[in-house]
Amino acid sequence: MADNPVGEYLRARREQVQPEDVGIAVNGHRRVPGLRRDELAVLAGISTEYYTRLEQGRDRNPSARVLDAIADALGLAREATTHLHDLAGPAPRRRQAPRSTERVRAGVVRLIESWPATPAFVQGRYFDVLAANRLAFAVSPLYRPGTNLLRAVLHDPAVVGLEAEELVRTVVATLRTAAGGDLGDPRLLELVAEFSASSELFRRFWDRHDVRPQPSSGIHHLHHPLVGDLDLHYDKFQVAGAEGQTLVVYQAEPGSRSARALALLVSPEEAVRPGAG
């Protein structure tokens, strides 16, 4: 996966640009999906020979100007352009030694455990739950430390249909964004190998090379077996000094049914009392 990351990325993105979208007339059958190499080279203002070397991995030192020209020709968004530059980063930026096991600082663990009425957990770079307080686990068993949230999404029987496809596409794109240019990370390789073998949906979206940053806030809708439907607002915060770790905090709208239901989970004996909720 990491032998020619720039070439793989460019090929995947090139195949998703339709000629007519960039003003190229199509006459008759085309043997390749999307743009041809020579067409993209013309749009980027570089020679076909040079672009071919770049995509095939025979030139690994493109300038920032060339990368920006190719990104512009492909219509890449800012995040995707940044990702392309990360992939093309010089060799010293590549991590040579395996990363150490992700651990959450004791102070962060004490902080989230001091919030009895606020569900909170810490996820790692690749969606592994690293720490969670009691209420987060009461909201969903998915937040048990050791769970990989992408694995849970891919294998949840309730995640089906078009909405599921968009959910998986978003999470897979976020995974690529988190990896950046570090596609040789052992944990990433392990997860990609596992999910590629078990999920056609993962393979399809991983091969697209989409990138998308994590949303920093939003609303999570879920159904709890004891207290019913919950609409919880979430906010995500990067943990300072811990690369790739994200603190996820849930809150319910004050006075809402979800707030009352969440209060029942704070006091489990109330949640199981007949007629509660």
C-alpha atoms as a PDB file:
ATOM      1  CA  MET A   1       0.000   0.000   0.000  1.00  0.00           C
ATOM      2  CA  ALA A   2       2.887   2.387   0.723  1.00  0.00           C
ATOM      3  CA  ASP A   3       5.186   1.575  -2.230  1.00  0.00           C
ATOM      4  CA  ASN A   4       3.837   4.322  -4.502  1.00  0.00           C
ATOM      5  CA  PRO A   5       1.333   6.382  -2.490  1.00  0.00           C
ATOM      6  CA  VAL A   6       1.427   9.443  -4.760  1.00  0.00           C
ATOM      7  CA  GLY A   7       0.876   7.385  -7.910  1.00  0.00           C
ATOM      8  CA  GLU A   8      -1.951   5.369  -6.377  1.00  0.00           C
ATOM      9  CA  TYR A   9      -3.645   8.519  -5.167  1.00  0.00           C
ATOM     10  CA  LEU A  10      -3.320  10.339  -8.496  1.00  0.00           C
ATOM     11  CA  ARG A  11      -4.584   7.351 -10.469  1.00  0.00           C
ATOM     12  CA  ALA A  12      -7.617   6.943  -8.189  1.00  0.00           C
ATOM     13  CA  ARG A  13      -8.497  10.624  -8.404  1.00  0.00           C
ATOM     14  CA  ARG A  14      -7.885  10.810 -12.171  1.00  0.00           C
ATOM     15  CA  GLU A  15     -10.285   7.942 -12.785  1.00  0.00           C
ATOM     16  CA  GLN A  16     -13.058   9.823 -10.966  1.00  0.00           C
ATOM     17  CA  VAL A  17     -12.917  12.973 -13.135  1.00  0.00           C
ATOM     18  CA  GLN A  18     -15.200  12.783 -16.148  1.00  0.00           C
ATOM     19  CA  PRO A  19     -13.792  14.347 -19.337  1.00  0.00           C
ATOM     20  CA  GLU A  20     -16.921  16.391 -19.997  1.00  0.00           C
ATOM     21  CA  ASP A  21     -16.601  17.943 -16.522  1.00  0.00           C
ATOM     22  CA  VAL A  22     -13.337  19.597 -17.557  1.00  0.00           C
ATOM     23  CA  GLY A  23     -14.373  20.562 -21.061  1.00  0.00           C
ATOM     24  CA  ILE A  24     -13.011  17.544 -22.969  1.00  0.00           C
ATOM     25  CA  ALA A  25     -15.276  16.234 -25.725  1.00  0.00           C
ATOM     26  CA  VAL A  26     -15.840  12.488 -25.736  1.00  0.00           C
ATOM     27  CA  ASN A  27     -16.159  10.746 -29.088  1.00  0.00           C
ATOM     28  CA  GLY A  28     -16.790   7.024 -29.098  1.00  0.00           C
ATOM     29  CA  HIS A  29     -15.726   4.395 -26.578  1.00  0.00           C
ATOM     30  CA  ARG A  30     -12.964   5.179 -24.057  1.00  0.00           C
ATOM     31  CA  ARG A  31     -10.775   2.382 -22.764  1.00  0.00           C
ATOM     32  CA  VAL A  32     -10.104   3.980 -19.377  1.00  0.00           C
ATOM     33  CA  PRO A  33     -12.434   5.446 -16.742  1.00  0.00           C
ATOM     34  CA  GLY A  34     -12.143   9.151 -16.121  1.00  0.00           C
ATOM     35  CA  LEU A  35      -9.291  11.152 -17.616  1.00  0.00           C
ATOM     36  CA  ARG A  36      -6.359   9.753 -19.553  1.00  0.00           C
ATOM     37  CA  ARG A  37      -2.869  10.589 -18.345  1.00  0.00           C
ATOM     38  CA  ASP A  38      -2.176  12.820 -21.328  1.00  0.00           C
ATOM     39  CA  GLU A  39      -5.403  14.745 -20.762  1.00  0.00           C
ATOM     40  CA  LEU A  40      -4.583  15.404 -17.123  1.00  0.00           C
ATOM     41  CA  ALA A  41      -1.031  16.412 -18.053  1.00  0.00           C
ATOM     42  CA  VAL A  42      -2.338  19.022 -20.513  1.00  0.00           C
ATOM     43  CA  LEU A  43      -4.770  20.385 -17.929  1.00  0.00           C
ATOM     44  CA  ALA A  44      -1.952  20.651 -15.363  1.00  0.00           C
ATOM     45  CA  GLY A  45       0.461  22.232 -17.832  1.00  0.00           C
ATOM     46  CA  ILE A  46       3.119  19.524 -17.590  1.00  0.00           C
ATOM     47  CA  SER A  47       4.415  16.958 -20.059  1.00  0.00           C
ATOM     48  CA  THR A  48       2.697  13.605 -20.392  1.00  0.00           C
ATOM     49  CA  GLU A  49       6.060  11.890 -19.965  1.00  0.00           C
ATOM     50  CA  TYR A  50       6.692  13.620 -16.650  1.00  0.00           C
ATOM     51  CA  TYR A  51       3.183  12.968 -15.342  1.00  0.00           C
ATOM     52  CA  THR A  52       3.480   9.292 -16.321  1.00  0.00           C
ATOM     53  CA  ARG A  53       6.769   8.980 -14.419  1.00  0.00           C
ATOM     54  CA  LEU A  54       5.147  10.599 -11.405  1.00  0.00           C
ATOM     55  CA  GLU A  55       2.116   8.318 -11.407  1.00  0.00           C
ATOM     56  CA  GLN A  56       4.248   5.212 -11.954  1.00  0.00           C
ATOM     57  CA  GLY A  57       6.511   6.133  -9.053  1.00  0.00           C
ATOM     58  CA  ARG A  58       9.577   6.701 -11.223  1.00  0.00           C
ATOM     59  CA  ASP A  59       9.791  10.340 -10.090  1.00  0.00           C
ATOM     60  CA  ARG A  60       9.315  10.834  -6.363  1.00  0.00           C
ATOM     61  CA  ASN A  61      10.345  14.458  -5.987  1.00  0.00           C
ATOM     62  CA  PRO A  62       7.610  16.625  -7.513  1.00  0.00           C
ATOM     63  CA  SER A  63       7.702  20.300  -6.644  1.00  0.00           C
ATOM     64  CA  ALA A  64       4.929  21.971  -4.687  1.00  0.00           C
ATOM     65  CA  ARG A  65       4.073  23.949  -7.819  1.00  0.00           C
ATOM     66  CA  VAL A  66       3.582  20.763  -9.861  1.00  0.00           C
ATOM     67  CA  LEU A  67       1.464  19.185  -7.127  1.00  0.00           C
ATOM     68  CA  ASP A  68      -0.716  22.284  -6.908  1.00  0.00           C
ATOM     69  CA  ALA A  69      -1.155  22.327 -10.692  1.00  0.00           C
ATOM     70  CA  ILE A  70      -2.217  18.671 -10.722  1.00  0.00           C
ATOM     71  CA  ALA A  71      -4.538  19.215  -7.752  1.00  0.00           C
ATOM     72  CA  ASP A  72      -6.142  22.157  -9.538  1.00  0.00           C
ATOM     73  CA  ALA A  73      -6.574  20.110 -12.730  1.00  0.00           C
ATOM     74  CA  LEU A  74      -8.248  17.344 -10.716  1.00  0.00           C
ATOM     75  CA  GLY A  75     -10.478  19.818  -8.903  1.00  0.00           C
ATOM     76  CA  LEU A  76      -9.232  18.672  -5.498  1.00  0.00           C
ATOM     77  CA  ALA A  77     -10.580  20.369  -2.393  1.00  0.00           C
ATOM     78  CA  ARG A  78      -8.195  21.944   0.093  1.00  0.00           C
ATOM     79  CA  GLU A  79      -8.057  18.848   2.331  1.00  0.00           C
ATOM     80  CA  ALA A  80      -7.368  16.581  -0.641  1.00  0.00           C
ATOM     81  CA  THR A  81      -4.622  18.902  -1.906  1.00  0.00           C
ATOM     82  CA  THR A  82      -3.007  18.897   1.524  1.00  0.00           C
ATOM     83  CA  HIS A  83      -3.187  15.099   1.538  1.00  0.00           C
ATOM     84  CA  LEU A  84      -1.416  14.964  -1.832  1.00  0.00           C
ATOM     85  CA  HIS A  85       1.406  17.127  -0.480  1.00  0.00           C
ATOM     86  CA  ASP A  86       1.645  14.886   2.607  1.00  0.00           C
ATOM     87  CA  LEU A  87       1.962  11.796   0.439  1.00  0.00           C
ATOM     88  CA  ALA A  88       4.741  13.437  -1.567  1.00  0.00           C
ATOM     89  CA  GLY A  89       6.673  14.486   1.538  1.00  0.00           C
ATOM     90  CA  PRO A  90      10.412  13.747   1.644  1.00  0.00           C
ATOM     91  CA  ALA A  91      11.648  10.421   2.977  1.00  0.00           C
ATOM     92  CA  PRO A  92      12.812  11.800   6.362  1.00  0.00           C
ATOM     93  CA  ARG A  93       9.178  12.552   7.181  1.00  0.00           C
ATOM     94  CA  ARG A  94       8.292   8.888   6.914  1.00  0.00           C
ATOM     95  CA  ARG A  95       8.265   7.088  10.255  1.00  0.00           C
ATOM     96  CA  GLN A  96      10.822   4.297  10.273  1.00  0.00           C
ATOM     97  CA  ALA A  97      10.064   2.714  13.654  1.00  0.00           C
ATOM     98  CA  PRO A  98       6.660   1.327  14.677  1.00  0.00           C
ATOM     99  CA  ARG A  99       4.528   3.651  16.742  1.00  0.00           C
ATOM    100  CA  SER A 100       4.273   2.899  20.439  1.00  0.00           C
ATOM    101  CA  THR A 101       0.973   1.612  21.785  1.00  0.00           C
ATOM    102  CA  GLU A 102      -1.509   4.463  22.125  1.00  0.00           C
ATOM    103  CA  ARG A 103      -2.126   5.328  25.760  1.00  0.00           C
ATOM    104  CA  VAL A 104      -4.236   8.059  27.316  1.00  0.00           C
ATOM    105  CA  ARG A 105      -2.605  10.265  29.930  1.00  0.00           C
ATOM    106  CA  ALA A 106      -3.787   9.555  33.455  1.00  0.00           C
ATOM    107  CA  GLY A 107      -4.889  13.168  33.852  1.00  0.00           C
ATOM    108  CA  VAL A 108      -7.199  12.899  30.837  1.00  0.00           C
ATOM    109  CA  VAL A 109      -8.684   9.671  32.190  1.00  0.00           C
ATOM    110  CA  ARG A 110      -9.311  11.308  35.584  1.00  0.00           C
ATOM    111  CA  LEU A 111     -10.926  14.261  33.818  1.00  0.00           C
ATOM    112  CA  ILE A 112     -13.526  12.251  31.892  1.00  0.00           C
ATOM    113  CA  GLU A 113     -14.202  10.035  34.928  1.00  0.00           C
ATOM    114  CA  SER A 114     -14.999  13.187  36.918  1.00  0.00           C
ATOM    115  CA  TRP A 115     -17.957  13.870  34.597  1.00  0.00           C
ATOM    116  CA  PRO A 116     -20.666  11.509  35.930  1.00  0.00           C
ATOM    117  CA  ALA A 117     -23.425  13.193  33.903  1.00  0.00           C
ATOM    118  CA  THR A 118     -21.471  13.709  30.651  1.00  0.00           C
ATOM    119  CA  PRO A 119     -20.649  10.782  28.337  1.00  0.00           C
ATOM    120  CA  ALA A 120     -17.066  11.099  27.107  1.00  0.00           C
ATOM    121  CA  PHE A 121     -14.423   8.895  25.567  1.00  0.00           C
ATOM    122  CA  VAL A 122     -11.021   9.171  23.906  1.00  0.00           C
ATOM    123  CA  GLN A 123     -10.426   7.624  20.504  1.00  0.00           C
ATOM    124  CA  GLY A 124      -7.076   6.982  18.888  1.00  0.00           C
ATOM    125  CA  ARG A 125      -5.747   7.843  15.490  1.00  0.00           C
ATOM    126  CA  TYR A 126      -7.528   4.952  13.772  1.00  0.00           C
ATOM    127  CA  PHE A 127     -10.842   4.957  15.693  1.00  0.00           C
ATOM    128  CA  ASP A 128      -9.754   2.694  18.556  1.00  0.00           C
ATOM    129  CA  VAL A 129     -11.548   3.557  21.817  1.00  0.00           C
ATOM    130  CA  LEU A 130      -8.709   4.139  24.289  1.00  0.00           C
ATOM    131  CA  ALA A 131     -10.612   5.320  27.367  1.00  0.00           C
ATOM    132  CA  ALA A 132     -14.233   6.020  28.312  1.00  0.00           C
ATOM    133  CA  ASN A 133     -16.173   7.043  31.385  1.00  0.00           C
ATOM    134  CA  ARG A 134     -19.009   4.984  32.841  1.00  0.00           C
ATOM    135  CA  LEU A 135     -21.787   6.999  31.244  1.00  0.00           C
ATOM    136  CA  ALA A 136     -20.293   6.681  27.758  1.00  0.00           C
ATOM    137  CA  PHE A 137     -20.352   2.907  28.121  1.00  0.00           C
ATOM    138  CA  ALA A 138     -23.901   3.110  29.502  1.00  0.00           C
ATOM    139  CA  VAL A 139     -24.928   5.032  26.364  1.00  0.00           C
ATOM    140  CA  SER A 140     -23.415   2.373  24.086  1.00  0.00           C
ATOM    141  CA  PRO A 141     -21.235  -0.732  24.565  1.00  0.00           C
ATOM    142  CA  LEU A 142     -19.336   0.442  21.477  1.00  0.00           C
ATOM    143  CA  TYR A 143     -17.482   2.846  23.732  1.00  0.00           C
ATOM    144  CA  ARG A 144     -15.792   0.109  25.716  1.00  0.00           C
ATOM    145  CA  PRO A 145     -11.998   0.591  25.546  1.00  0.00           C
ATOM    146  CA  GLY A 146     -10.535  -1.768  22.976  1.00  0.00           C
ATOM    147  CA  THR A 147     -13.391  -1.365  20.490  1.00  0.00           C
ATOM    148  CA  ASN A 148     -12.532  -0.166  17.003  1.00  0.00           C
ATOM    149  CA  LEU A 149     -15.399   2.068  15.887  1.00  0.00           C
ATOM    150  CA  LEU A 150     -14.835   1.531  12.164  1.00  0.00           C
ATOM    151  CA  ARG A 151     -14.978  -2.248  12.672  1.00  0.00           C
ATOM    152  CA  ALA A 152     -18.216  -1.778  14.624  1.00  0.00           C
ATOM    153  CA  VAL A 153     -19.744   0.272  11.803  1.00  0.00           C
ATOM    154  CA  LEU A 154     -18.715  -2.203   9.104  1.00  0.00           C
ATOM    155  CA  HIS A 155     -20.146  -5.206  10.930  1.00  0.00           C
ATOM    156  CA  ASP A 156     -23.271  -3.687  12.473  1.00  0.00           C
ATOM    157  CA  PRO A 157     -26.276  -5.480  10.895  1.00  0.00           C
ATOM    158  CA  ALA A 158     -28.342  -2.341  11.441  1.00  0.00           C
ATOM    159  CA  VAL A 159     -26.041  -0.349   9.164  1.00  0.00           C
ATOM    160  CA  VAL A 160     -27.534  -1.077   5.760  1.00  0.00           C
ATOM    161  CA  GLY A 161     -28.738   0.814   2.695  1.00  0.00           C
ATOM    162  CA  LEU A 162     -27.714   4.120   1.164  1.00  0.00           C
ATOM    163  CA  GLU A 163     -27.292   5.881   4.503  1.00  0.00           C
ATOM    164  CA  ALA A 164     -24.884   3.145   5.577  1.00  0.00           C
ATOM    165  CA  GLU A 165     -22.855   3.602   2.410  1.00  0.00           C
ATOM    166  CA  GLU A 166     -22.485   7.314   3.082  1.00  0.00           C
ATOM    167  CA  LEU A 167     -21.545   6.624   6.711  1.00  0.00           C
ATOM    168  CA  VAL A 168     -18.871   4.100   5.716  1.00  0.00           C
ATOM    169  CA  ARG A 169     -17.598   6.371   2.938  1.00  0.00           C
ATOM    170  CA  THR A 170     -17.215   9.230   5.416  1.00  0.00           C
ATOM    171  CA  VAL A 171     -15.438   7.132   8.043  1.00  0.00           C
ATOM    172  CA  VAL A 172     -13.086   5.527   5.494  1.00  0.00           C
ATOM    173  CA  ALA A 173     -12.208   8.960   4.081  1.00  0.00           C
ATOM    174  CA  THR A 174     -11.535  10.161   7.614  1.00  0.00           C
ATOM    175  CA  LEU A 175      -9.280   7.156   8.180  1.00  0.00           C
ATOM    176  CA  ARG A 176      -7.216   8.103   5.118  1.00  0.00           C
ATOM    177  CA  THR A 177      -7.004  11.676   6.344  1.00  0.00           C
ATOM    178  CA  ALA A 178      -5.780  10.508   9.758  1.00  0.00           C
ATOM    179  CA  ALA A 179      -3.102   8.354   8.122  1.00  0.00           C
ATOM    180  CA  GLY A 180      -1.838  11.210   5.966  1.00  0.00           C
ATOM    181  CA  GLY A 181       1.426  10.200   4.348  1.00  0.00           C
ATOM    182  CA  ASP A 182       2.128   7.533   6.972  1.00  0.00           C
ATOM    183  CA  LEU A 183       0.613   4.615   5.078  1.00  0.00           C
ATOM    184  CA  GLY A 184       3.168   2.178   6.495  1.00  0.00           C
ATOM    185  CA  ASP A 185       1.892   2.431  10.075  1.00  0.00           C
ATOM    186  CA  PRO A 186       1.546  -1.199  11.338  1.00  0.00           C
ATOM    187  CA  ARG A 187      -1.822  -0.524  13.004  1.00  0.00           C
ATOM    188  CA  LEU A 188      -3.190   1.019   9.816  1.00  0.00           C
ATOM    189  CA  LEU A 189      -1.904  -1.876   7.707  1.00  0.00           C
ATOM    190  CA  GLU A 190      -3.486  -4.353  10.120  1.00  0.00           C
ATOM    191  CA  LEU A 191      -6.882  -2.661   9.965  1.00  0.00           C
ATOM    192  CA  VAL A 192      -6.855  -2.175   6.181  1.00  0.00           C
ATOM    193  CA  ALA A 193      -5.959  -5.834   5.643  1.00  0.00           C
ATOM    194  CA  GLU A 194      -8.723  -6.982   8.006  1.00  0.00           C
ATOM    195  CA  PHE A 195     -11.425  -4.719   6.622  1.00  0.00           C
ATOM    196  CA  SER A 196     -10.459  -5.335   2.993  1.00  0.00           C
ATOM    197  CA  ALA A 197     -10.887  -9.061   3.558  1.00  0.00           C
ATOM    198  CA  SER A 198     -14.214  -8.768   5.356  1.00  0.00           C
ATOM    199  CA  SER A 199     -16.034  -5.839   3.722  1.00  0.00           C
ATOM    200  CA  GLU A 200     -16.669  -5.138   0.048  1.00  0.00           C
ATOM    201  CA  LEU A 201     -17.950  -1.709   1.073  1.00  0.00           C
ATOM    202  CA  PHE A 202     -14.656  -0.878   2.766  1.00  0.00           C
ATOM    203  CA  ARG A 203     -12.635  -2.049  -0.254  1.00  0.00           C
ATOM    204  CA  ARG A 204     -14.715   0.068  -2.601  1.00  0.00           C
ATOM    205  CA  PHE A 205     -14.319   3.275  -0.632  1.00  0.00           C
ATOM    206  CA  TRP A 206     -10.703   2.681   0.377  1.00  0.00           C
ATOM    207  CA  ASP A 207      -9.787   2.344  -3.311  1.00  0.00           C
ATOM    208  CA  ARG A 208     -11.347   5.744  -4.039  1.00  0.00           C
ATOM    209  CA  HIS A 209      -8.658   7.497  -1.944  1.00  0.00           C
ATOM    210  CA  ASP A 210     -11.159  10.055  -0.649  1.00  0.00           C
ATOM    211  CA  VAL A 211     -10.008  12.220   2.242  1.00  0.00           C
ATOM    212  CA  ARG A 212     -12.202  14.067   4.682  1.00  0.00           C
ATOM    213  CA  PRO A 213     -11.353  15.581   8.084  1.00  0.00           C
ATOM    214  CA  GLN A 214     -13.275  14.464  11.142  1.00  0.00           C
ATOM    215  CA  PRO A 215     -16.337  16.591  11.868  1.00  0.00           C
ATOM    216  CA  SER A 216     -15.700  18.622  15.010  1.00  0.00           C
ATOM    217  CA  SER A 217     -19.339  18.608  16.120  1.00  0.00           C
ATOM    218  CA  GLY A 218     -22.726  17.232  15.209  1.00  0.00           C
ATOM    219  CA  ILE A 219     -25.668  15.187  16.451  1.00  0.00           C
ATOM    220  CA  HIS A 220     -25.618  11.449  17.053  1.00  0.00           C
ATOM    221  CA  HIS A 221     -28.976   9.668  16.893  1.00  0.00           C
ATOM    222  CA  LEU A 222     -29.146   6.286  18.585  1.00  0.00           C
ATOM    223  CA  HIS A 223     -31.619   3.932  20.205  1.00  0.00           C
ATOM    224  CA  HIS A 224     -30.945   2.690  23.725  1.00  0.00           C
ATOM    225  CA  PRO A 225     -32.629  -0.566  24.834  1.00  0.00           C
ATOM    226  CA  LEU A 226     -33.586   0.863  28.235  1.00  0.00           C
ATOM    227  CA  VAL A 227     -34.334   4.548  27.720  1.00  0.00           C
ATOM    228  CA  GLY A 228     -35.276   4.680  24.039  1.00  0.00           C
ATOM    229  CA  ASP A 229     -34.146   7.175  21.411  1.00  0.00           C
ATOM    230  CA  LEU A 230     -31.336   9.594  22.204  1.00  0.00           C
ATOM    231  CA  ASP A 231     -30.331  12.691  20.237  1.00  0.00           C
ATOM    232  CA  LEU A 232     -26.931  13.693  21.590  1.00  0.00           C
ATOM    233  CA  HIS A 233     -24.805  16.631  20.498  1.00  0.00           C
ATOM    234  CA  TYR A 234     -21.132  15.779  20.240  1.00  0.00           C
ATOM    235  CA  ASP A 235     -18.007  17.880  20.204  1.00  0.00           C
ATOM    236  CA  LYS A 236     -14.501  16.620  19.412  1.00  0.00           C
ATOM    237  CA  PHE A 237     -11.295  18.047  20.827  1.00  0.00           C
ATOM    238  CA  GLN A 238      -7.728  17.134  19.957  1.00  0.00           C
ATOM    239  CA  VAL A 239      -5.790  15.986  23.016  1.00  0.00           C
ATOM    240  CA  ALA A 240      -2.725  18.213  23.286  1.00  0.00           C
ATOM    241  CA  GLY A 241       0.569  16.356  23.298  1.00  0.00           C
ATOM    242  CA  ALA A 242      -1.021  13.084  22.160  1.00  0.00           C
ATOM    243  CA  GLU A 243      -0.800  12.816  18.377  1.00  0.00           C
ATOM    244  CA  GLY A 244      -4.035  11.643  16.837  1.00  0.00           C
ATOM    245  CA  GLN A 245      -6.014  11.294  20.070  1.00  0.00           C
ATOM    246  CA  THR A 246      -9.470  12.880  20.132  1.00  0.00           C
ATOM    247  CA  LEU A 247     -11.687  13.566  23.137  1.00  0.00           C
ATOM    248  CA  VAL A 248     -15.375  13.061  22.226  1.00  0.00           C
ATOM    249  CA  VAL A 249     -17.955  14.636  24.539  1.00  0.00           C
ATOM    250  CA  TYR A 250     -21.733  14.122  24.324  1.00  0.00           C
ATOM    251  CA  GLN A 251     -24.436  16.434  25.632  1.00  0.00           C
ATOM    252  CA  ALA A 252     -28.212  16.450  25.448  1.00  0.00           C
ATOM    253  CA  GLU A 253     -30.265  19.574  24.832  1.00  0.00           C
ATOM    254  CA  PRO A 254     -31.293  20.867  28.305  1.00  0.00           C
ATOM    255  CA  GLY A 255     -34.903  20.032  29.119  1.00  0.00           C
ATOM    256  CA  SER A 256     -35.266  17.622  26.204  1.00  0.00           C
ATOM    257  CA  ARG A 257     -36.477  14.046  26.290  1.00  0.00           C
ATOM    258  CA  SER A 258     -32.907  12.969  25.549  1.00  0.00           C
ATOM    259  CA  ALA A 259     -31.697  14.903  28.612  1.00  0.00           C
ATOM    260  CA  ARG A 260     -34.226  13.096  30.795  1.00  0.00           C
ATOM    261  CA  ALA A 261     -33.268   9.752  29.277  1.00  0.00           C
ATOM    262  CA  LEU A 262     -29.577  10.470  29.824  1.00  0.00           C
ATOM    263  CA  ALA A 263     -30.313  11.317  33.452  1.00  0.00           C
ATOM    264  CA  LEU A 264     -31.840   7.858  33.856  1.00  0.00           C
ATOM    265  CA  LEU A 265     -28.579   6.315  32.661  1.00  0.00           C
ATOM    266  CA  VAL A 266     -26.701   8.327  35.269  1.00  0.00           C
ATOM    267  CA  SER A 267     -28.823   6.463  37.831  1.00  0.00           C
ATOM    268  CA  PRO A 268     -29.108   2.885  36.487  1.00  0.00           C
ATOM    269  CA  GLU A 269     -31.617   1.863  39.133  1.00  0.00           C
ATOM    270  CA  GLU A 270     -34.038   4.421  37.717  1.00  0.00           C
ATOM    271  CA  ALA A 271     -33.529   3.211  34.163  1.00  0.00           C
ATOM    272  CA  VAL A 272     -34.568  -0.345  35.049  1.00  0.00           C
ATOM    273  CA  ARG A 273     -37.490   0.662  37.288  1.00  0.00           C
ATOM    274  CA  PRO A 274     -40.845  -0.296  35.690  1.00  0.00           C
ATOM    275  CA  GLY A 275     -42.317   2.683  33.866  1.00  0.00           C
ATOM    276  CA  ALA A 276     -39.078   4.673  33.934  1.00  0.00           C
ATOM    277  CA  GLY A 277     -38.510   6.999  30.933  1.00  0.00           C
END
